[in-house]
Amino acid sequence: MNAKLVTLGSATAVAVLLSLFVLADDEREWLFPGRDVEVVANPEYEAECGACHYAYQPGLLPARSWEALMAGLDNHFGDNAGLDSALAERITAYLTGRAADASEARLSRRIMRSLGASDAPLRISDVPTIAREHEEIPVGLHRENPDVGSLSNCSACHRRAADGLYNEHTVNVPGYGEWDD
């Protein structure tokens, strides 16, 4: 009888382990807690870019997108965000070295899987996997919400964004509350 229980327990354990490999990254997320993207770890980038907007983690875009953004700072979404060339080179190296295509973080991998080989979105909200995650959210909760303003204001709703956490369990929309899809 004890041998049967051991065999049954072992078979159950094997079945559970095998099922974990079948689950997609998104479905395993709760089993393997951790950051969705690496946190920002560059004081120059944080100071320069974070002075005007949220300092997006490099893992939210591929290197080719960061290169294009940094090359076009003289017209950065309608503003001149030009930097000294040496500083711009250092920040570009930081961003491209930790971009989605150089990262093993969960969301970074999903971002790269959602992009074509030459896609270089300039807006994080244009990344297919991120756009899909936000398409069900009514504009009244972001664009028309004075405490949010647009989907580019990640930290307004993703209360753990600075920690590299963007999953739905960390979302609290100002004036609405916790988001549960």
C-alpha atoms as a PDB file:
ATOM      1  CA  MET A   1       0.000   0.000   0.000  1.00  0.00           C
ATOM      2  CA  ASN A   2       2.776   2.455   0.858  1.00  0.00           C
ATOM      3  CA  ALA A   3       4.532   1.718  -2.425  1.00  0.00           C
ATOM      4  CA  LYS A   4       1.304   2.590  -4.290  1.00  0.00           C
ATOM      5  CA  LEU A   5       1.064   5.930  -2.444  1.00  0.00           C
ATOM      6  CA  VAL A   6       4.670   6.767  -3.252  1.00  0.00           C
ATOM      7  CA  THR A   7       4.102   5.892  -6.920  1.00  0.00           C
ATOM      8  CA  LEU A   8       0.875   7.925  -7.004  1.00  0.00           C
ATOM      9  CA  GLY A   9       2.613  10.894  -5.316  1.00  0.00           C
ATOM     10  CA  SER A  10       5.526  10.721  -7.738  1.00  0.00           C
ATOM     11  CA  ALA A  11       3.216  10.514 -10.730  1.00  0.00           C
ATOM     12  CA  THR A  12       1.273  13.541  -9.485  1.00  0.00           C
ATOM     13  CA  ALA A  13       4.458  15.530  -8.963  1.00  0.00           C
ATOM     14  CA  VAL A  14       5.675  14.672 -12.464  1.00  0.00           C
ATOM     15  CA  ALA A  15       2.299  15.659 -13.957  1.00  0.00           C
ATOM     16  CA  VAL A  16       2.370  19.025 -12.157  1.00  0.00           C
ATOM     17  CA  LEU A  17       5.930  19.737 -13.284  1.00  0.00           C
ATOM     18  CA  LEU A  18       5.152  18.815 -16.878  1.00  0.00           C
ATOM     19  CA  SER A  19       2.081  21.055 -16.895  1.00  0.00           C
ATOM     20  CA  LEU A  20       4.257  24.001 -15.848  1.00  0.00           C
ATOM     21  CA  PHE A  21       6.309  23.658 -19.030  1.00  0.00           C
ATOM     22  CA  VAL A  22       3.146  23.680 -21.153  1.00  0.00           C
ATOM     23  CA  LEU A  23       1.895  26.963 -19.687  1.00  0.00           C
ATOM     24  CA  ALA A  24       2.799  30.178 -21.510  1.00  0.00           C
ATOM     25  CA  ASP A  25       5.020  32.764 -19.799  1.00  0.00           C
ATOM     26  CA  ASP A  26       1.971  34.855 -18.892  1.00  0.00           C
ATOM     27  CA  GLU A  27       0.226  31.930 -17.241  1.00  0.00           C
ATOM     28  CA  ARG A  28       3.320  31.001 -15.191  1.00  0.00           C
ATOM     29  CA  GLU A  29       3.849  34.562 -13.985  1.00  0.00           C
ATOM     30  CA  TRP A  30       2.346  33.956 -10.544  1.00  0.00           C
ATOM     31  CA  LEU A  31       4.600  30.936 -10.021  1.00  0.00           C
ATOM     32  CA  PHE A  32       7.832  32.788 -10.706  1.00  0.00           C
ATOM     33  CA  PRO A  33       7.572  36.231  -9.164  1.00  0.00           C
ATOM     34  CA  GLY A  34      10.119  38.749 -10.287  1.00  0.00           C
ATOM     35  CA  ARG A  35      10.499  41.874 -12.313  1.00  0.00           C
ATOM     36  CA  ASP A  36       8.776  42.218 -15.635  1.00  0.00           C
ATOM     37  CA  VAL A  37      11.661  44.444 -16.794  1.00  0.00           C
ATOM     38  CA  GLU A  38      14.974  45.442 -15.245  1.00  0.00           C
ATOM     39  CA  VAL A  39      14.836  48.636 -13.181  1.00  0.00           C
ATOM     40  CA  VAL A  40      16.502  51.836 -14.359  1.00  0.00           C
ATOM     41  CA  ALA A  41      20.063  51.843 -13.080  1.00  0.00           C
ATOM     42  CA  ASN A  42      21.707  54.839 -14.700  1.00  0.00           C
ATOM     43  CA  PRO A  43      21.744  58.202 -12.890  1.00  0.00           C
ATOM     44  CA  GLU A  44      22.488  60.187 -16.073  1.00  0.00           C
ATOM     45  CA  TYR A  45      19.536  58.677 -17.931  1.00  0.00           C
ATOM     46  CA  GLU A  46      17.280  59.123 -14.920  1.00  0.00           C
ATOM     47  CA  ALA A  47      18.327  62.758 -14.461  1.00  0.00           C
ATOM     48  CA  GLU A  48      18.143  63.801 -18.120  1.00  0.00           C
ATOM     49  CA  CYS A  49      15.134  61.879 -19.378  1.00  0.00           C
ATOM     50  CA  GLY A  50      13.354  61.556 -16.049  1.00  0.00           C
ATOM     51  CA  ALA A  51      13.367  65.345 -15.656  1.00  0.00           C
ATOM     52  CA  CYS A  52      10.640  65.619 -18.319  1.00  0.00           C
ATOM     53  CA  HIS A  53       8.820  62.289 -18.174  1.00  0.00           C
ATOM     54  CA  TYR A  54       8.871  58.877 -16.558  1.00  0.00           C
ATOM     55  CA  ALA A  55      12.299  57.284 -17.123  1.00  0.00           C
ATOM     56  CA  TYR A  56      11.159  54.220 -19.041  1.00  0.00           C
ATOM     57  CA  GLN A  57      13.087  51.034 -18.458  1.00  0.00           C
ATOM     58  CA  PRO A  58      15.354  50.153 -21.391  1.00  0.00           C
ATOM     59  CA  GLY A  59      13.764  46.685 -21.575  1.00  0.00           C
ATOM     60  CA  LEU A  60      10.515  48.187 -22.853  1.00  0.00           C
ATOM     61  CA  LEU A  61      11.927  48.777 -26.354  1.00  0.00           C
ATOM     62  CA  PRO A  62      14.454  47.043 -28.615  1.00  0.00           C
ATOM     63  CA  ALA A  63      17.878  48.625 -29.134  1.00  0.00           C
ATOM     64  CA  ARG A  64      16.936  49.823 -32.638  1.00  0.00           C
ATOM     65  CA  SER A  65      14.095  51.891 -31.123  1.00  0.00           C
ATOM     66  CA  TRP A  66      16.360  53.452 -28.493  1.00  0.00           C
ATOM     67  CA  GLU A  67      18.916  54.288 -31.184  1.00  0.00           C
ATOM     68  CA  ALA A  68      16.246  56.029 -33.281  1.00  0.00           C
ATOM     69  CA  LEU A  69      14.879  57.916 -30.281  1.00  0.00           C
ATOM     70  CA  MET A  70      18.298  59.107 -29.180  1.00  0.00           C
ATOM     71  CA  ALA A  71      19.233  60.108 -32.750  1.00  0.00           C
ATOM     72  CA  GLY A  72      16.108  62.289 -32.954  1.00  0.00           C
ATOM     73  CA  LEU A  73      16.332  64.188 -29.676  1.00  0.00           C
ATOM     74  CA  ASP A  74      16.210  67.532 -31.501  1.00  0.00           C
ATOM     75  CA  ASN A  75      12.547  66.713 -32.281  1.00  0.00           C
ATOM     76  CA  HIS A  76      11.541  64.417 -29.437  1.00  0.00           C
ATOM     77  CA  PHE A  77       7.771  64.222 -29.825  1.00  0.00           C
ATOM     78  CA  GLY A  78       7.653  67.917 -30.643  1.00  0.00           C
ATOM     79  CA  ASP A  79      10.240  69.086 -28.097  1.00  0.00           C
ATOM     80  CA  ASN A  80      13.938  69.730 -28.385  1.00  0.00           C
ATOM     81  CA  ALA A  81      15.507  67.314 -25.907  1.00  0.00           C
ATOM     82  CA  GLY A  82      19.004  67.624 -27.339  1.00  0.00           C
ATOM     83  CA  LEU A  83      21.940  66.579 -25.184  1.00  0.00           C
ATOM     84  CA  ASP A  84      25.676  67.070 -25.255  1.00  0.00           C
ATOM     85  CA  SER A  85      27.011  64.460 -27.703  1.00  0.00           C
ATOM     86  CA  ALA A  86      29.167  62.653 -25.115  1.00  0.00           C
ATOM     87  CA  LEU A  87      26.242  62.398 -22.694  1.00  0.00           C
ATOM     88  CA  ALA A  88      23.914  61.265 -25.487  1.00  0.00           C
ATOM     89  CA  GLU A  89      26.407  58.533 -26.434  1.00  0.00           C
ATOM     90  CA  ARG A  90      26.628  57.286 -22.835  1.00  0.00           C
ATOM     91  CA  ILE A  91      22.861  57.226 -22.429  1.00  0.00           C
ATOM     92  CA  THR A  92      22.421  55.516 -25.807  1.00  0.00           C
ATOM     93  CA  ALA A  93      24.949  52.848 -24.812  1.00  0.00           C
ATOM     94  CA  TYR A  94      23.095  52.294 -21.541  1.00  0.00           C
ATOM     95  CA  LEU A  95      19.684  52.024 -23.237  1.00  0.00           C
ATOM     96  CA  THR A  96      20.801  49.752 -26.070  1.00  0.00           C
ATOM     97  CA  GLY A  97      22.856  47.545 -23.763  1.00  0.00           C
ATOM     98  CA  ARG A  98      19.812  46.828 -21.612  1.00  0.00           C
ATOM     99  CA  ALA A  99      17.129  46.989 -24.305  1.00  0.00           C
ATOM    100  CA  ALA A 100      14.420  44.361 -24.712  1.00  0.00           C
ATOM    101  CA  ASP A 101      16.519  42.386 -27.198  1.00  0.00           C
ATOM    102  CA  ALA A 102      19.388  42.211 -24.675  1.00  0.00           C
ATOM    103  CA  SER A 103      17.241  41.290 -21.676  1.00  0.00           C
ATOM    104  CA  GLU A 104      15.995  38.046 -20.214  1.00  0.00           C
ATOM    105  CA  ALA A 105      13.235  39.774 -18.234  1.00  0.00           C
ATOM    106  CA  ARG A 106       9.748  38.378 -18.772  1.00  0.00           C
ATOM    107  CA  LEU A 107       8.094  41.430 -20.361  1.00  0.00           C
ATOM    108  CA  SER A 108      11.153  42.214 -22.463  1.00  0.00           C
ATOM    109  CA  ARG A 109      10.989  38.714 -23.993  1.00  0.00           C
ATOM    110  CA  ARG A 110       7.264  39.162 -24.722  1.00  0.00           C
ATOM    111  CA  ILE A 111       7.966  42.519 -26.337  1.00  0.00           C
ATOM    112  CA  MET A 112      10.558  41.008 -28.657  1.00  0.00           C
ATOM    113  CA  ARG A 113       8.253  38.127 -29.613  1.00  0.00           C
ATOM    114  CA  SER A 114       5.556  40.635 -30.576  1.00  0.00           C
ATOM    115  CA  LEU A 115       7.805  42.667 -32.902  1.00  0.00           C
ATOM    116  CA  GLY A 116       8.872  41.970 -36.446  1.00  0.00           C
ATOM    117  CA  ALA A 117      12.603  41.648 -37.133  1.00  0.00           C
ATOM    118  CA  SER A 118      12.924  45.282 -38.227  1.00  0.00           C
ATOM    119  CA  ASP A 119      10.140  46.921 -36.202  1.00  0.00           C
ATOM    120  CA  ALA A 120      11.398  49.934 -34.263  1.00  0.00           C
ATOM    121  CA  PRO A 121       8.465  51.560 -32.469  1.00  0.00           C
ATOM    122  CA  LEU A 122       9.235  54.976 -31.010  1.00  0.00           C
ATOM    123  CA  ARG A 123       6.379  54.831 -28.519  1.00  0.00           C
ATOM    124  CA  ILE A 124       6.170  52.058 -25.965  1.00  0.00           C
ATOM    125  CA  SER A 125       2.384  52.146 -26.334  1.00  0.00           C
ATOM    126  CA  ASP A 126       2.911  51.134 -30.008  1.00  0.00           C
ATOM    127  CA  VAL A 127       4.664  47.872 -29.066  1.00  0.00           C
ATOM    128  CA  PRO A 128       2.133  45.183 -30.100  1.00  0.00           C
ATOM    129  CA  THR A 129       2.109  43.237 -26.830  1.00  0.00           C
ATOM    130  CA  ILE A 130       1.718  46.431 -24.799  1.00  0.00           C
ATOM    131  CA  ALA A 131      -0.957  47.806 -27.143  1.00  0.00           C
ATOM    132  CA  ARG A 132      -2.925  44.544 -26.791  1.00  0.00           C
ATOM    133  CA  GLU A 133      -2.721  44.729 -22.992  1.00  0.00           C
ATOM    134  CA  HIS A 134      -4.204  48.234 -23.020  1.00  0.00           C
ATOM    135  CA  GLU A 135      -6.778  48.021 -25.827  1.00  0.00           C
ATOM    136  CA  GLU A 136      -9.601  46.994 -23.481  1.00  0.00           C
ATOM    137  CA  ILE A 137      -9.089  49.995 -21.208  1.00  0.00           C
ATOM    138  CA  PRO A 138     -11.632  52.742 -21.933  1.00  0.00           C
ATOM    139  CA  VAL A 139     -10.099  56.099 -22.947  1.00  0.00           C
ATOM    140  CA  GLY A 140     -11.954  57.683 -20.040  1.00  0.00           C
ATOM    141  CA  LEU A 141      -9.593  55.878 -17.687  1.00  0.00           C
ATOM    142  CA  HIS A 142      -6.389  57.124 -19.323  1.00  0.00           C
ATOM    143  CA  ARG A 143      -6.570  59.800 -22.040  1.00  0.00           C
ATOM    144  CA  GLU A 144      -9.574  61.593 -20.512  1.00  0.00           C
ATOM    145  CA  ASN A 145      -8.415  61.025 -16.930  1.00  0.00           C
ATOM    146  CA  PRO A 146      -6.627  64.192 -15.717  1.00  0.00           C
ATOM    147  CA  ASP A 147      -4.535  62.116 -13.303  1.00  0.00           C
ATOM    148  CA  VAL A 148      -3.266  59.890 -16.118  1.00  0.00           C
ATOM    149  CA  GLY A 149      -3.413  61.841 -19.396  1.00  0.00           C
ATOM    150  CA  SER A 150      -2.204  59.092 -21.719  1.00  0.00           C
ATOM    151  CA  LEU A 151      -0.935  55.551 -21.885  1.00  0.00           C
ATOM    152  CA  SER A 152       2.601  56.940 -21.822  1.00  0.00           C
ATOM    153  CA  ASN A 153       2.184  57.859 -18.154  1.00  0.00           C
ATOM    154  CA  CYS A 154       2.915  54.303 -16.982  1.00  0.00           C
ATOM    155  CA  SER A 155       3.545  55.111 -13.345  1.00  0.00           C
ATOM    156  CA  ALA A 156       0.137  56.777 -12.956  1.00  0.00           C
ATOM    157  CA  CYS A 157      -1.575  53.371 -12.976  1.00  0.00           C
ATOM    158  CA  HIS A 158       1.220  50.830 -12.608  1.00  0.00           C
ATOM    159  CA  ARG A 159       2.045  51.606  -8.986  1.00  0.00           C
ATOM    160  CA  ARG A 160       5.148  49.377  -9.056  1.00  0.00           C
ATOM    161  CA  ALA A 161       6.458  50.523 -12.452  1.00  0.00           C
ATOM    162  CA  ALA A 162       9.657  51.970 -10.973  1.00  0.00           C
ATOM    163  CA  ASP A 163      10.332  48.510  -9.519  1.00  0.00           C
ATOM    164  CA  GLY A 164      10.027  46.964 -12.986  1.00  0.00           C
ATOM    165  CA  LEU A 165       6.595  45.465 -12.268  1.00  0.00           C
ATOM    166  CA  TYR A 166       3.841  46.006 -14.823  1.00  0.00           C
ATOM    167  CA  ASN A 167       1.556  43.036 -14.325  1.00  0.00           C
ATOM    168  CA  GLU A 168      -2.164  43.558 -13.861  1.00  0.00           C
ATOM    169  CA  HIS A 169      -1.925  42.904 -10.125  1.00  0.00           C
ATOM    170  CA  THR A 170      -0.063  46.203  -9.649  1.00  0.00           C
ATOM    171  CA  VAL A 171      -2.548  48.415 -11.521  1.00  0.00           C
ATOM    172  CA  ASN A 172      -4.555  51.063  -9.696  1.00  0.00           C
ATOM    173  CA  VAL A 173      -6.192  53.580 -12.028  1.00  0.00           C
ATOM    174  CA  PRO A 174      -6.603  57.022 -10.415  1.00  0.00           C
ATOM    175  CA  GLY A 175     -10.285  57.754  -9.859  1.00  0.00           C
ATOM    176  CA  TYR A 176     -11.240  54.161 -10.697  1.00  0.00           C
ATOM    177  CA  GLY A 177      -9.282  51.800  -8.458  1.00  0.00           C
ATOM    178  CA  GLU A 178      -7.722  48.431  -9.030  1.00  0.00           C
ATOM    179  CA  TRP A 179      -7.932  47.119 -12.564  1.00  0.00           C
ATOM    180  CA  ASP A 180      -9.125  43.557 -12.982  1.00  0.00           C
ATOM    181  CA  ASP A 181      -9.550  42.220 -16.474  1.00  0.00           C
END
